[in-house]
């Protein structure tokens, strides 16, 4: 970690401005309260304060590379007493020698210079302590930022791991259903079973590529859904009716990949399995207040007993949306007489 006053323009300006103020105070005190000439006051103020300004930059290394986290307060105090003594001796010695050279000859100023060393040492100790405090505050601030950043990265990794876990439950759930259907078709419709295997293979291949990115555009997501529905059409034929209402203005909107498939699975499971009549799945897409609204509605027979299930697909969609968008009300389920609607609300940046 480099000296903040050297690498940060704002801090550099603040550091320089602070020393200009200190020089002004120093010169004013000498001129008005010690009967020194304006020239001597200016030279004295510039020499001593510029020296300490340079010395203050080196104090950073004394603070930065001392491990004060060892918890032994006495060691820290003794370390800074020694460092301060060395820094003040160097500062006062150089200042005295330079001023002896710049303002030569015996004069009232030379006498004043010698007599002023004790209060200069006290002021130097105060400045040293102030700079040590400023440096420690800066280090603590940077350490805090680093901890927050590290925690944010860890939280992101945990969130992504949770999303991956949820996504990994989607394909096996669908795969088991498809394999059971293929097994049934092999007995009396082998050609359809072969067709379904080919489409399933293509679908799974694209699914593996799909999982690389967290978000995708609506067009790509719907293409993926249509691949899935083609597989289901092999099973259900004319019993499965599909209707898509997708405005051109929404096709580039972003949404989590593979987020719609569990909703279509749910519509097929509860709408078509037990029905003897054709069932329509109606998909409507719209934009409202910078939110992409995806509504998936299916018919169902309210007189038929509901199929048993754990609702893994719906739960996964809810959890994924909550993890990605930090909101728990982005999936809304509505059931009316003979119709079930799952509405997904997807914020758009």
Foldseek 3Di string as FASTA:
>chain_A
DAQCLPPPPVNVVVLVVVLVVQLVVQLVCCVPPVVDDSVLSNVLSCLLSVLVSVLLNVVLVLLVPDPPVVPDVVVVVVSLVVVLVVSLVVSLVVSLVVCCVVVPDDDPVNVVSVVCSVVVSVVSVVVSVVSSVVSVVVVVVVVVVVVVVVVVVVLVVVLVVVLVVLVVVPVVVLVVVLVVLLVVCVVPPPVLSVVLVVLVVVLVVVVVVLPPDFKAFQQVQVVSVVSVVVSVCSRQPQLEAEAEADDPVRRGFMDTHPLCNLVVVVQCQAARPPDPHRKYWYWYWDDDPQKIKIKTKIFHQPVDDGDDDDSSSVVSSQSSCCSVVVDRPQWDWDDDHGMIMIMGIGHGD
